[in-house]
């Protein structure tokens, strides 16, 4: 009994540490209250008379979307709470913590060559747990700044997906990022952490042989299965119509950026159709067009599958790396499917379905 109590006290003390270093269990996705969550999805709304800082929030306890009372750049909101271990590390380094930030549109002074993947995200971890936060926001987070939110991010809608994993999941995550050929612009990883992460951080590895895609199941800390789809540039096809739809085997509605030079049209020439979402309507708000929505996601019609993705349906992106993280959580699927206000029918179709003005 005494021994057990002694262990508890020493564990607590080593966790508090000298000068209150970050505790081993602290690298986790966190909500607006700073509470640990297994996963969350944010949908930042575009700047339509509200400053562009409002966001919808969902995790496994919310039963769908909630409009956050916080603003996305707040020092006490979800993103700040999740990024806290990184922001603390910038102020005072602590052993056993590592991170990697990657983006095809990194903050100044970095520029990512187009040979790298079209993908954005944050990886943070220690020996116990870590987070993979994938997102669509250019220049986020700002380079080594406590002020993490780029004001350029206010204009358009963006998506964020955070999942908490145990340390051992990051070997697979490293391999997925290698296939994406993610452009790492800021990283510091202990030398003992997985080589699969180290080489991505150093921008020194990429797939050498077929297949040019990789699909794995990643299990969160609390046992939720997520499915990671990634493709290397040599895959040479659209992420959605060339890879994801073959697994979900249902009509896929895809939300991608509406200001592309060579957008791919909705595709009905394949067994399961891929349809471009052109407008989104959250709750009872005014719908907004894909020209102010930089988020990337897709959902099946029955709400069975939802993916938060890196890529747009665009001709040049067929030849770039990227990926998506998918869940078959029905609550998530229904929440996303209900957002669809309009989609682009295939040319041979002359009608829109009743999903055209579907409301939450």
Protein backbone atom coordinates (compact mmCIF):
# COMPACT_ATOMS: atom_id res chain seq x y z
CA UNK A 1 0.00 0.00 0.00
CA UNK A 2 2.75 2.40 1.02
CA UNK A 3 4.70 1.52 -2.11
CA UNK A 4 1.65 2.25 -4.27
CA UNK A 5 1.13 5.60 -2.60
CA UNK A 6 4.84 6.41 -3.03
CA UNK A 7 4.60 5.62 -6.76
CA UNK A 8 1.54 7.83 -7.13
CA UNK A 9 3.26 10.75 -5.42
CA UNK A 10 6.48 10.40 -7.42
CA UNK A 11 4.48 10.03 -10.60
CA UNK A 12 2.61 13.20 -9.78
CA UNK A 13 5.80 15.07 -8.94
CA UNK A 14 7.58 13.98 -12.10
CA UNK A 15 4.50 15.02 -14.04
CA UNK A 16 4.41 18.48 -12.44
CA UNK A 17 8.18 18.56 -12.90
CA UNK A 18 10.52 21.44 -12.29
CA UNK A 19 8.95 24.68 -13.50
CA UNK A 20 5.68 22.88 -14.31
CA UNK A 21 6.75 21.16 -17.49
CA UNK A 22 4.05 19.64 -19.67
CA UNK A 23 2.79 16.35 -18.26
CA UNK A 24 3.15 13.19 -20.38
CA UNK A 25 -0.60 12.87 -20.81
CA UNK A 26 -1.04 16.42 -22.07
CA UNK A 27 -0.71 15.96 -25.82
CA UNK A 28 -4.36 15.42 -26.65
CA UNK A 29 -7.13 17.04 -28.67
CA UNK A 30 -8.94 19.53 -26.44
CA UNK A 31 -12.27 21.31 -26.65
CA UNK A 32 -13.27 24.91 -25.85
CA UNK A 33 -13.14 24.12 -22.12
CA UNK A 34 -9.65 22.64 -22.35
CA UNK A 35 -11.07 19.18 -21.69
CA UNK A 36 -9.43 16.17 -23.36
CA UNK A 37 -11.45 14.70 -26.23
CA UNK A 38 -10.79 11.63 -28.37
CA UNK A 39 -11.46 13.55 -31.59
CA UNK A 40 -13.14 16.67 -32.89
CA UNK A 41 -14.06 18.32 -36.17
CA UNK A 42 -14.24 22.11 -36.62
CA UNK A 43 -15.88 23.90 -39.51
CA UNK A 44 -14.81 27.54 -39.52
CA UNK A 45 -17.41 29.69 -41.24
CA UNK A 46 -16.51 32.18 -43.98
CA UNK A 47 -16.38 35.91 -43.38
CA UNK A 48 -19.97 36.83 -44.15
CA UNK A 49 -20.64 39.81 -41.82
CA UNK A 50 -19.20 38.03 -38.77
CA UNK A 51 -15.45 38.57 -39.01
CA UNK A 52 -14.83 35.05 -40.27
CA UNK A 53 -13.90 33.68 -36.84
CA UNK A 54 -17.04 31.72 -35.93
CA UNK A 55 -16.95 27.95 -36.09
CA UNK A 56 -19.06 24.85 -35.76
CA UNK A 57 -17.73 22.17 -33.43
CA UNK A 58 -18.41 18.46 -33.12
CA UNK A 59 -16.95 15.61 -31.05
CA UNK A 60 -18.21 12.24 -29.81
CA UNK A 61 -20.30 13.89 -27.09
CA UNK A 62 -22.07 16.70 -28.99
CA UNK A 63 -24.43 14.59 -31.13
CA UNK A 64 -23.69 16.71 -34.22
CA UNK A 65 -22.76 20.33 -34.78
CA UNK A 66 -22.69 23.04 -32.14
CA UNK A 67 -21.95 26.69 -32.85
CA UNK A 68 -18.99 27.53 -30.61
CA UNK A 69 -19.34 30.53 -28.32
CA UNK A 70 -15.63 31.20 -28.89
CA UNK A 71 -13.79 32.64 -31.87
CA UNK A 72 -11.27 30.43 -33.63
CA UNK A 73 -8.29 32.68 -32.80
CA UNK A 74 -9.15 32.92 -29.08
CA UNK A 75 -6.40 31.95 -26.63
CA UNK A 76 -8.96 29.89 -24.71
CA UNK A 77 -10.75 28.11 -27.58
CA UNK A 78 -10.33 24.64 -29.08
CA UNK A 79 -7.34 25.29 -31.36
CA UNK A 80 -5.38 27.19 -28.71
CA UNK A 81 -6.12 24.53 -26.11
CA UNK A 82 -5.01 21.76 -28.47
CA UNK A 83 -1.85 23.62 -29.57
CA UNK A 84 -0.86 24.47 -25.98
CA UNK A 85 1.95 21.85 -25.73
CA UNK A 86 3.53 23.29 -28.91
CA UNK A 87 3.14 26.92 -27.82
CA UNK A 88 4.59 26.04 -24.40
CA UNK A 89 7.50 24.25 -26.10
CA UNK A 90 8.29 27.38 -28.12
CA UNK A 91 8.61 29.27 -24.82
CA UNK A 92 10.51 26.55 -22.95
CA UNK A 93 11.69 23.30 -24.48
CA UNK A 94 10.94 20.14 -22.57
CA UNK A 95 12.37 16.70 -23.20
CA UNK A 96 10.26 13.96 -24.67
CA UNK A 97 8.00 16.23 -26.72
CA UNK A 98 8.15 16.39 -30.50
CA UNK A 99 6.23 18.08 -33.29
CA UNK A 100 6.07 18.52 -37.03
CA UNK A 101 4.12 21.15 -38.98
CA UNK A 102 3.53 20.63 -42.68
CA UNK A 103 1.72 22.57 -45.38
CA UNK A 104 1.62 23.13 -49.12
CA UNK A 105 0.95 26.80 -48.23
CA UNK A 106 3.29 27.31 -45.26
CA UNK A 107 3.72 30.59 -43.40
CA UNK A 108 6.44 33.02 -44.50
CA UNK A 109 9.29 32.69 -45.18
CA UNK A 110 8.67 29.15 -46.48
CA UNK A 111 7.48 28.16 -49.94
CA UNK A 112 6.51 24.56 -50.71
CA UNK A 113 7.49 23.29 -54.17
CA UNK A 114 4.57 21.76 -56.09
CA UNK A 115 6.37 18.39 -56.09
CA UNK A 116 5.27 18.04 -52.44
CA UNK A 117 1.78 16.99 -51.40
CA UNK A 118 -1.29 19.24 -51.27
CA UNK A 119 -1.75 18.75 -47.55
CA UNK A 120 -1.74 20.66 -44.26
CA UNK A 121 -1.43 19.50 -40.69
CA UNK A 122 0.09 19.45 -37.22
CA UNK A 123 1.63 16.41 -35.55
CA UNK A 124 2.50 16.69 -31.83
CA UNK A 125 3.42 13.83 -29.54
CA UNK A 126 5.28 12.53 -26.55
CA UNK A 127 6.04 8.98 -25.41
CA UNK A 128 2.45 8.43 -24.29
CA UNK A 129 0.04 10.16 -26.66
CA UNK A 130 -0.11 12.53 -29.59
CA UNK A 131 -2.44 14.35 -31.93
CA UNK A 132 -2.76 14.48 -35.68
CA UNK A 133 -4.58 17.69 -36.56
CA UNK A 134 -5.26 17.86 -40.29
CA UNK A 135 -6.75 21.06 -41.71
CA UNK A 136 -7.23 23.22 -44.81
CA UNK A 137 -5.99 26.64 -43.64
CA UNK A 138 -3.03 28.28 -45.44
CA UNK A 139 -0.24 29.67 -43.21
CA UNK A 140 -1.66 27.97 -40.09
CA UNK A 141 -0.22 27.89 -37.53
CA UNK A 142 1.88 31.01 -37.88
CA UNK A 143 5.61 30.38 -37.69
CA UNK A 144 6.78 29.96 -34.07
CA UNK A 145 4.31 32.53 -32.82
CA UNK A 146 2.05 32.46 -29.75
CA UNK A 147 -0.38 34.28 -32.01
CA UNK A 148 -1.08 31.11 -33.99
CA UNK A 149 -3.99 32.24 -36.20
CA UNK A 150 -3.17 33.89 -39.57
CA UNK A 151 -5.62 36.72 -40.32
CA UNK A 152 -5.57 35.55 -43.96
CA UNK A 153 -7.54 32.57 -42.62
CA UNK A 154 -10.57 34.73 -41.79
CA UNK A 155 -11.95 35.07 -45.32
CA UNK A 156 -12.91 31.51 -46.25
CA UNK A 157 -14.52 28.52 -44.57
CA UNK A 158 -12.01 25.88 -43.41
CA UNK A 159 -12.13 22.43 -41.80
CA UNK A 160 -10.01 20.95 -38.99
CA UNK A 161 -9.94 17.39 -37.73
CA UNK A 162 -8.06 16.39 -34.59
CA UNK A 163 -7.66 12.82 -33.37
CA UNK A 164 -5.81 11.73 -30.20
CA UNK A 165 -3.67 8.62 -30.68
CA UNK A 166 -1.32 6.62 -28.53
CA UNK A 167 2.38 7.02 -29.35
CA UNK A 168 2.57 3.73 -31.27
CA UNK A 169 0.12 4.95 -33.96
CA UNK A 170 2.65 7.51 -35.18
CA UNK A 171 4.74 4.97 -37.06
CA UNK A 172 1.76 4.43 -39.42
CA UNK A 173 0.99 8.17 -39.46
CA UNK A 174 4.60 8.78 -40.51
CA UNK A 175 4.17 6.33 -43.41
CA UNK A 176 0.92 8.01 -44.47
CA UNK A 177 2.65 11.40 -44.48
CA UNK A 178 5.48 9.90 -46.53
CA UNK A 179 2.97 8.85 -49.24
CA UNK A 180 1.41 12.30 -49.13
CA UNK A 181 5.01 13.65 -49.43
CA UNK A 182 4.05 16.33 -46.92
CA UNK A 183 6.12 19.52 -46.94
CA UNK A 184 7.43 19.84 -43.37
CA UNK A 185 8.37 23.46 -42.61
CA UNK A 186 8.94 23.32 -38.85
CA UNK A 187 9.78 20.33 -36.68
CA UNK A 188 11.69 19.15 -33.64
CA UNK A 189 11.55 15.44 -32.87
CA UNK A 190 13.57 13.54 -30.26
CA UNK A 191 16.08 11.27 -32.03
CA UNK A 192 14.47 8.19 -30.50
CA UNK A 193 11.06 8.87 -32.12
CA UNK A 194 9.98 6.82 -35.15
CA UNK A 195 12.21 7.06 -38.24
CA UNK A 196 9.03 7.19 -40.34
CA UNK A 197 8.28 10.60 -38.80
CA UNK A 198 11.91 11.75 -38.76
CA UNK A 199 12.40 11.37 -42.52
CA UNK A 200 9.14 13.21 -43.30
CA UNK A 201 10.26 16.02 -41.00
CA UNK A 202 13.58 16.14 -42.87
CA UNK A 203 11.78 15.96 -46.26
CA UNK A 204 14.04 13.06 -47.20
CA UNK A 205 11.66 10.17 -47.95
CA UNK A 206 8.97 9.27 -50.45
CA UNK A 207 7.51 6.02 -51.85
CA UNK A 208 9.79 4.18 -54.27
CA UNK A 209 7.44 1.53 -55.66
CA UNK A 210 3.81 0.72 -56.42
CA UNK A 211 1.14 0.83 -55.24
CA UNK A 212 1.19 4.64 -55.20
CA UNK A 213 -1.55 4.80 -52.57
CA UNK A 214 -1.97 3.48 -49.03
CA UNK A 215 -5.11 2.85 -46.98
CA UNK A 216 -4.82 2.06 -43.27
CA UNK A 217 -7.02 1.95 -40.21
CA UNK A 218 -5.81 4.17 -37.37
CA UNK A 219 -7.33 3.54 -33.95
CA UNK A 220 -7.70 6.50 -31.62
CA UNK A 221 -6.69 6.44 -27.97
CA UNK A 222 -10.25 5.53 -26.95
CA UNK A 223 -10.64 2.86 -29.63
CA UNK A 224 -12.40 4.71 -32.47
CA UNK A 225 -11.37 3.53 -35.93
CA UNK A 226 -10.46 6.11 -38.55
CA UNK A 227 -9.52 5.22 -42.11
CA UNK A 228 -6.62 7.10 -43.67
CA UNK A 229 -6.53 7.26 -47.49
CA UNK A 230 -3.36 8.68 -49.01
CA UNK A 231 -1.91 8.89 -52.51
CA UNK A 232 1.54 9.74 -53.79
CA UNK A 233 1.82 12.03 -56.83
CA UNK A 234 2.55 9.06 -59.12
CA UNK A 235 -0.96 7.68 -58.42
CA UNK A 236 -2.05 10.09 -61.15
CA UNK A 237 -5.76 10.23 -60.35
CA UNK A 238 -8.29 12.16 -58.29
CA UNK A 239 -8.33 11.28 -54.59
CA UNK A 240 -12.14 11.01 -54.51
CA UNK A 241 -13.12 9.36 -57.81
CA UNK A 242 -9.88 7.37 -58.09
CA UNK A 243 -9.50 6.06 -54.55
CA UNK A 244 -12.06 6.86 -51.83
CA UNK A 245 -15.22 6.05 -53.80
CA UNK A 246 -13.84 2.58 -54.59
CA UNK A 247 -13.83 1.77 -50.89
CA UNK A 248 -17.10 3.39 -49.79
CA UNK A 249 -18.94 2.06 -52.87
CA UNK A 250 -21.68 4.70 -52.71
CA UNK A 251 -22.37 8.09 -54.28
CA UNK A 252 -19.87 10.54 -52.82
CA UNK A 253 -20.64 14.25 -52.39
CA UNK A 254 -17.39 16.24 -52.38
CA UNK A 255 -16.83 19.75 -51.04
CA UNK A 256 -13.70 21.36 -52.47
CA UNK A 257 -12.46 24.86 -53.27
CA UNK A 258 -14.59 26.73 -55.80
CA UNK A 259 -11.87 28.94 -57.33
CA UNK A 260 -9.75 26.43 -59.21
CA UNK A 261 -8.24 26.85 -62.66
CA UNK A 262 -9.16 23.41 -63.98
CA UNK A 263 -11.86 21.91 -61.77
CA UNK A 264 -12.92 18.32 -62.36
CA UNK A 265 -16.64 18.07 -63.12
CA UNK A 266 -18.99 15.78 -61.22
CA UNK A 267 -18.31 12.23 -62.40
CA UNK A 268 -21.10 9.80 -63.27
CA UNK A 269 -19.04 7.64 -65.63
CA UNK A 270 -17.94 5.37 -62.77
CA UNK A 271 -20.05 2.78 -60.93
CA UNK A 272 -20.46 5.02 -57.85
CA UNK A 273 -20.88 8.69 -58.71
CA UNK A 274 -18.79 11.59 -57.36
CA UNK A 275 -20.74 14.85 -57.18
CA UNK A 276 -19.33 18.32 -56.45
CA UNK A 277 -21.02 20.29 -53.66
CA UNK A 278 -21.44 23.92 -54.76
CA UNK A 279 -23.11 25.47 -51.69
CA UNK A 280 -23.33 24.71 -47.99
CA UNK A 281 -25.94 25.76 -45.45
CA UNK A 282 -25.23 25.26 -41.73
CA UNK A 283 -28.25 25.38 -39.38
CA UNK A 284 -30.63 28.17 -40.44
CA UNK A 285 -27.87 30.43 -41.74
CA UNK A 286 -27.64 31.81 -45.25
CA UNK A 287 -26.07 29.25 -47.59
CA UNK A 288 -22.56 30.05 -48.77
CA UNK A 289 -20.88 29.16 -52.03
CA UNK A 290 -17.80 26.99 -52.55
CA UNK A 291 -16.00 30.16 -53.74
CA UNK A 292 -15.75 31.27 -50.08
CA UNK A 293 -15.33 27.74 -48.71
CA UNK A 294 -11.77 26.42 -48.75
CA UNK A 295 -12.68 23.32 -46.70
CA UNK A 296 -12.22 19.87 -48.21
CA UNK A 297 -14.53 17.03 -47.21
CA UNK A 298 -16.83 14.39 -48.60
CA UNK A 299 -19.82 12.41 -47.39
CA UNK A 300 -21.93 9.53 -48.67
CA UNK A 301 -25.65 10.00 -49.24
CA UNK A 302 -26.72 7.76 -46.38
CA UNK A 303 -24.40 9.60 -43.99
CA UNK A 304 -22.41 6.39 -43.62
CA UNK A 305 -18.97 7.76 -44.50
CA UNK A 306 -17.44 11.18 -43.93
CA UNK A 307 -13.88 12.23 -44.78
CA UNK A 308 -11.97 15.38 -43.89
CA UNK A 309 -9.51 15.75 -46.73
CA UNK A 310 -6.50 17.65 -48.07
CA UNK A 311 -7.28 17.88 -51.74
CA UNK A 312 -9.48 19.61 -54.27
CA UNK A 313 -11.07 18.02 -57.31
CA UNK A 314 -8.73 19.77 -59.71
CA UNK A 315 -6.82 18.51 -62.73
CA UNK A 316 -3.32 19.40 -61.48
CA UNK A 317 -3.99 17.78 -58.10
CA UNK A 318 -4.38 14.40 -59.79
CA UNK A 319 -0.59 14.56 -59.99
CA UNK A 320 0.03 15.58 -56.37
CA UNK A 321 0.13 13.73 -53.08
CA UNK A 322 -2.61 14.15 -50.50
CA UNK A 323 -5.11 12.28 -48.42
CA UNK A 324 -8.22 12.09 -46.27
CA UNK A 325 -9.18 10.82 -42.83
CA UNK A 326 -12.53 9.07 -42.85
CA UNK A 327 -15.02 7.87 -40.27
CA UNK A 328 -18.14 5.76 -40.62
CA UNK A 329 -19.79 7.41 -37.61
CA UNK A 330 -23.46 7.91 -38.58
CA UNK A 331 -23.87 11.04 -36.41
CA UNK A 332 -20.92 12.70 -38.17
CA UNK A 333 -22.20 11.60 -41.58
CA UNK A 334 -25.70 12.94 -41.01
CA UNK A 335 -24.30 16.25 -39.71
CA UNK A 336 -22.22 16.72 -42.88
CA UNK A 337 -24.88 15.48 -45.29
CA UNK A 338 -27.34 17.98 -43.81
CA UNK A 339 -24.95 20.82 -44.74
CA UNK A 340 -25.36 20.24 -48.48
CA UNK A 341 -27.40 23.08 -50.00
CA UNK A 342 -26.55 22.49 -53.69
CA UNK A 343 -24.47 20.17 -55.80
CA UNK A 344 -23.43 20.04 -59.45
CA UNK A 345 -25.30 17.29 -61.30
CA UNK A 346 -23.53 15.35 -64.02
CA UNK A 347 -24.08 16.81 -67.46
CA UNK A 348 -26.50 14.10 -68.52
CA UNK A 349 -28.68 14.72 -65.44
CA UNK A 350 -31.22 17.50 -65.80
CA UNK A 351 -32.53 17.62 -62.27
CA UNK A 352 -31.24 18.31 -58.80
CA UNK A 353 -32.23 16.01 -56.02
CA UNK A 354 -34.21 17.11 -52.99
CA UNK A 355 -30.85 17.53 -51.23
CA UNK A 356 -30.48 20.80 -53.14
CA UNK A 357 -32.06 22.85 -50.39
CA UNK A 358 -31.93 20.43 -47.55
CA UNK A 359 -31.80 22.15 -44.14
CA UNK A 360 -30.39 21.06 -40.82
